Amino acid sequence: MESNQLNSLNNFLDKRQGQDKNLILKRIINDVKKGTGLSISKLKNQYSEEQLFYVALKHVTTTKKAICTALNIPIEAGCRYKRHHEKNGYLVQSIDEVICPFTKYPAHLLSTNPKEFKRLKKSNTNQLNFFE
């Protein structure tokens, strides 16, 4: 393949990946809006950033990077919020890693929805646990 063709293909794939990421972010935002009945701007006016992180994860189960990007929350702050809510028993992280729909890298799913806790705590692998 010629250099120009390769560059053209890479540009197309980069553009496509950007479109996919935007679709994922829109889906997260729409799920949060649908679940709360409020727009993101109203949620941001009504809640602190940490509360918004918590409320959003009640309505969508996703990765930290995806939720933080969708809500424009710095990832470092998302790490603190996750740790705080997890420590208090309000947030559960999946046992297994999944491919993040946003980054395409392995990551854990997060949720503050108690209906999701059992599913996220259950491993989908058939590996034996050495400590069980």
C-alpha atoms as a PDB file:
ATOM      1  CA  MET A   1       0.000   0.000   0.000  1.00  0.00           C
ATOM      2  CA  GLU A   2       1.346   3.435  -0.926  1.00  0.00           C
ATOM      3  CA  SER A   3       2.047   6.033   1.705  1.00  0.00           C
ATOM      4  CA  ASN A   4      -0.803   8.289   0.481  1.00  0.00           C
ATOM      5  CA  GLN A   5      -3.282   5.414   0.578  1.00  0.00           C
ATOM      6  CA  LEU A   6      -2.127   4.418   4.052  1.00  0.00           C
ATOM      7  CA  ASN A   7      -2.452   8.012   5.305  1.00  0.00           C
ATOM      8  CA  SER A   8      -5.910   8.245   3.770  1.00  0.00           C
ATOM      9  CA  LEU A   9      -6.976   4.997   5.448  1.00  0.00           C
ATOM     10  CA  ASN A  10      -5.564   6.130   8.796  1.00  0.00           C
ATOM     11  CA  ASN A  11      -7.402   9.462   8.501  1.00  0.00           C
ATOM     12  CA  PHE A  12     -10.644   7.639   7.726  1.00  0.00           C
ATOM     13  CA  LEU A  13     -10.204   5.292  10.710  1.00  0.00           C
ATOM     14  CA  ASP A  14      -9.348   8.194  13.046  1.00  0.00           C
ATOM     15  CA  LYS A  15     -12.431  10.083  11.864  1.00  0.00           C
ATOM     16  CA  ARG A  16     -14.606   6.986  12.283  1.00  0.00           C
ATOM     17  CA  GLN A  17     -13.261   6.338  15.792  1.00  0.00           C
ATOM     18  CA  GLY A  18     -14.038   9.963  16.713  1.00  0.00           C
ATOM     19  CA  GLN A  19     -17.603   9.501  15.482  1.00  0.00           C
ATOM     20  CA  ASP A  20     -17.947   6.303  17.512  1.00  0.00           C
ATOM     21  CA  LYS A  21     -16.693   8.071  20.638  1.00  0.00           C
ATOM     22  CA  ASN A  22     -19.189  10.886  20.119  1.00  0.00           C
ATOM     23  CA  LEU A  23     -22.025   8.376  19.764  1.00  0.00           C
ATOM     24  CA  ILE A  24     -21.006   6.689  23.014  1.00  0.00           C
ATOM     25  CA  LEU A  25     -20.884  10.019  24.862  1.00  0.00           C
ATOM     26  CA  LYS A  26     -24.287  11.031  23.460  1.00  0.00           C
ATOM     27  CA  ARG A  27     -25.732   7.679  24.549  1.00  0.00           C
ATOM     28  CA  ILE A  28     -24.444   8.153  28.102  1.00  0.00           C
ATOM     29  CA  ILE A  29     -25.816  11.700  28.247  1.00  0.00           C
ATOM     30  CA  ASN A  30     -29.188  10.594  26.854  1.00  0.00           C
ATOM     31  CA  ASP A  31     -29.437   7.722  29.358  1.00  0.00           C
ATOM     32  CA  VAL A  32     -28.707  10.117  32.235  1.00  0.00           C
ATOM     33  CA  LYS A  33     -31.202  12.685  30.919  1.00  0.00           C
ATOM     34  CA  LYS A  34     -33.850   9.994  30.441  1.00  0.00           C
ATOM     35  CA  GLY A  35     -33.230   8.503  33.891  1.00  0.00           C
ATOM     36  CA  THR A  36     -33.311  11.804  35.758  1.00  0.00           C
ATOM     37  CA  GLY A  37     -35.770  13.687  33.580  1.00  0.00           C
ATOM     38  CA  LEU A  38     -33.365  16.651  33.606  1.00  0.00           C
ATOM     39  CA  SER A  39     -30.896  18.108  31.136  1.00  0.00           C
ATOM     40  CA  ILE A  40     -27.200  17.883  31.917  1.00  0.00           C
ATOM     41  CA  SER A  41     -27.041  21.652  32.450  1.00  0.00           C
ATOM     42  CA  LYS A  42     -29.899  21.470  34.987  1.00  0.00           C
ATOM     43  CA  LEU A  43     -28.192  18.546  36.720  1.00  0.00           C
ATOM     44  CA  LYS A  44     -24.944  20.536  36.890  1.00  0.00           C
ATOM     45  CA  ASN A  45     -26.825  23.471  38.429  1.00  0.00           C
ATOM     46  CA  GLN A  46     -28.623  21.237  40.918  1.00  0.00           C
ATOM     47  CA  TYR A  47     -25.744  18.962  41.980  1.00  0.00           C
ATOM     48  CA  SER A  48     -22.095  19.252  42.875  1.00  0.00           C
ATOM     49  CA  GLU A  49     -19.689  17.495  40.540  1.00  0.00           C
ATOM     50  CA  GLU A  50     -19.386  14.564  42.955  1.00  0.00           C
ATOM     51  CA  GLN A  51     -23.172  14.260  43.293  1.00  0.00           C
ATOM     52  CA  LEU A  52     -23.539  14.416  39.503  1.00  0.00           C
ATOM     53  CA  PHE A  53     -21.026  11.559  39.158  1.00  0.00           C
ATOM     54  CA  TYR A  54     -23.090   9.506  41.617  1.00  0.00           C
ATOM     55  CA  VAL A  55     -26.481  10.348  40.085  1.00  0.00           C
ATOM     56  CA  ALA A  56     -25.305   9.665  36.544  1.00  0.00           C
ATOM     57  CA  LEU A  57     -23.972   6.227  37.485  1.00  0.00           C
ATOM     58  CA  LYS A  58     -27.414   5.330  38.868  1.00  0.00           C
ATOM     59  CA  HIS A  59     -28.738   5.570  35.318  1.00  0.00           C
ATOM     60  CA  VAL A  60     -25.850   4.252  33.245  1.00  0.00           C
ATOM     61  CA  THR A  61     -23.301   1.529  33.928  1.00  0.00           C
ATOM     62  CA  THR A  62     -20.066   2.426  32.193  1.00  0.00           C
ATOM     63  CA  THR A  63     -16.372   3.038  32.737  1.00  0.00           C
ATOM     64  CA  LYS A  64     -14.902   5.919  34.708  1.00  0.00           C
ATOM     65  CA  LYS A  65     -13.272   7.447  31.622  1.00  0.00           C
ATOM     66  CA  ALA A  66     -16.525   7.353  29.659  1.00  0.00           C
ATOM     67  CA  ILE A  67     -18.681   8.890  32.411  1.00  0.00           C
ATOM     68  CA  CYS A  68     -16.099  11.546  33.236  1.00  0.00           C
ATOM     69  CA  THR A  69     -15.697  12.518  29.584  1.00  0.00           C
ATOM     70  CA  ALA A  70     -19.457  12.604  28.985  1.00  0.00           C
ATOM     71  CA  LEU A  71     -20.031  14.853  32.009  1.00  0.00           C
ATOM     72  CA  ASN A  72     -16.856  16.905  31.576  1.00  0.00           C
ATOM     73  CA  ILE A  73     -15.510  15.806  34.967  1.00  0.00           C
ATOM     74  CA  PRO A  74     -11.708  15.655  35.302  1.00  0.00           C
ATOM     75  CA  ILE A  75     -10.616  12.018  35.504  1.00  0.00           C
ATOM     76  CA  GLU A  76      -8.604  12.747  38.666  1.00  0.00           C
ATOM     77  CA  ALA A  77     -11.769  13.992  40.360  1.00  0.00           C
ATOM     78  CA  GLY A  78     -13.629  10.925  39.080  1.00  0.00           C
ATOM     79  CA  CYS A  79     -11.014   8.742  40.793  1.00  0.00           C
ATOM     80  CA  ARG A  80     -11.657  10.499  44.115  1.00  0.00           C
ATOM     81  CA  TYR A  81     -15.441  10.291  43.708  1.00  0.00           C
ATOM     82  CA  LYS A  82     -15.251   6.594  42.799  1.00  0.00           C
ATOM     83  CA  ARG A  83     -13.074   5.810  45.817  1.00  0.00           C
ATOM     84  CA  HIS A  84     -15.333   7.788  48.180  1.00  0.00           C
ATOM     85  CA  HIS A  85     -18.579   6.174  47.007  1.00  0.00           C
ATOM     86  CA  GLU A  86     -17.034   2.715  46.818  1.00  0.00           C
ATOM     87  CA  LYS A  87     -15.679   3.031  50.379  1.00  0.00           C
ATOM     88  CA  ASN A  88     -19.154   4.012  51.614  1.00  0.00           C
ATOM     89  CA  GLY A  89     -20.804   1.105  49.778  1.00  0.00           C
ATOM     90  CA  TYR A  90     -22.678   3.276  47.255  1.00  0.00           C
ATOM     91  CA  LEU A  91     -20.682   2.296  44.175  1.00  0.00           C
ATOM     92  CA  VAL A  92     -19.609  -1.080  42.832  1.00  0.00           C
ATOM     93  CA  GLN A  93     -16.872  -1.781  40.318  1.00  0.00           C
ATOM     94  CA  SER A  94     -17.128  -4.862  38.123  1.00  0.00           C
ATOM     95  CA  ILE A  95     -14.942  -7.836  39.022  1.00  0.00           C
ATOM     96  CA  ASP A  96     -14.098  -8.475  35.387  1.00  0.00           C
ATOM     97  CA  GLU A  97     -12.636  -5.982  32.995  1.00  0.00           C
ATOM     98  CA  VAL A  98     -14.490  -5.202  29.798  1.00  0.00           C
ATOM     99  CA  ILE A  99     -13.351  -3.329  26.728  1.00  0.00           C
ATOM    100  CA  CYS A 100     -14.229   0.290  27.452  1.00  0.00           C
ATOM    101  CA  PRO A 101     -16.672   1.487  24.800  1.00  0.00           C
ATOM    102  CA  PHE A 102     -14.927   4.868  24.815  1.00  0.00           C
ATOM    103  CA  THR A 103     -11.185   4.096  24.969  1.00  0.00           C
ATOM    104  CA  LYS A 104     -11.265   0.531  23.568  1.00  0.00           C
ATOM    105  CA  TYR A 105      -8.918  -0.539  26.390  1.00  0.00           C
ATOM    106  CA  PRO A 106      -9.691  -2.970  29.241  1.00  0.00           C
ATOM    107  CA  ALA A 107     -11.446  -1.265  32.157  1.00  0.00           C
ATOM    108  CA  HIS A 108     -13.942  -1.964  34.910  1.00  0.00           C
ATOM    109  CA  LEU A 109     -17.593  -0.960  34.776  1.00  0.00           C
ATOM    110  CA  LEU A 110     -18.996   1.273  37.523  1.00  0.00           C
ATOM    111  CA  SER A 111     -22.497   1.700  38.882  1.00  0.00           C
ATOM    112  CA  THR A 112     -24.241   3.311  41.828  1.00  0.00           C
ATOM    113  CA  ASN A 113     -27.466   1.485  40.991  1.00  0.00           C
ATOM    114  CA  PRO A 114     -28.024  -1.243  43.630  1.00  0.00           C
ATOM    115  CA  LYS A 115     -29.859  -3.327  40.992  1.00  0.00           C
ATOM    116  CA  GLU A 116     -26.528  -3.647  39.141  1.00  0.00           C
ATOM    117  CA  PHE A 117     -24.355  -4.570  42.149  1.00  0.00           C
ATOM    118  CA  LYS A 118     -24.922  -8.323  42.049  1.00  0.00           C
ATOM    119  CA  ARG A 119     -24.232  -8.515  38.315  1.00  0.00           C
ATOM    120  CA  LEU A 120     -21.035  -6.473  38.576  1.00  0.00           C
ATOM    121  CA  LYS A 121     -19.734  -8.440  41.564  1.00  0.00           C
ATOM    122  CA  LYS A 122     -20.145 -11.746  39.726  1.00  0.00           C
ATOM    123  CA  SER A 123     -17.238 -12.855  37.573  1.00  0.00           C
ATOM    124  CA  ASN A 124     -18.004 -14.037  34.070  1.00  0.00           C
ATOM    125  CA  THR A 125     -14.846 -16.112  33.846  1.00  0.00           C
ATOM    126  CA  ASN A 126     -14.682 -19.798  34.638  1.00  0.00           C
ATOM    127  CA  GLN A 127     -11.241 -19.548  36.189  1.00  0.00           C
ATOM    128  CA  LEU A 128     -10.814 -21.104  39.599  1.00  0.00           C
ATOM    129  CA  ASN A 129     -10.018 -18.639  42.329  1.00  0.00           C
ATOM    130  CA  PHE A 130      -6.911 -19.738  44.233  1.00  0.00           C
ATOM    131  CA  PHE A 131      -8.239 -18.213  47.473  1.00  0.00           C
ATOM    132  CA  GLU A 132     -11.722 -19.739  47.448  1.00  0.00           C
END
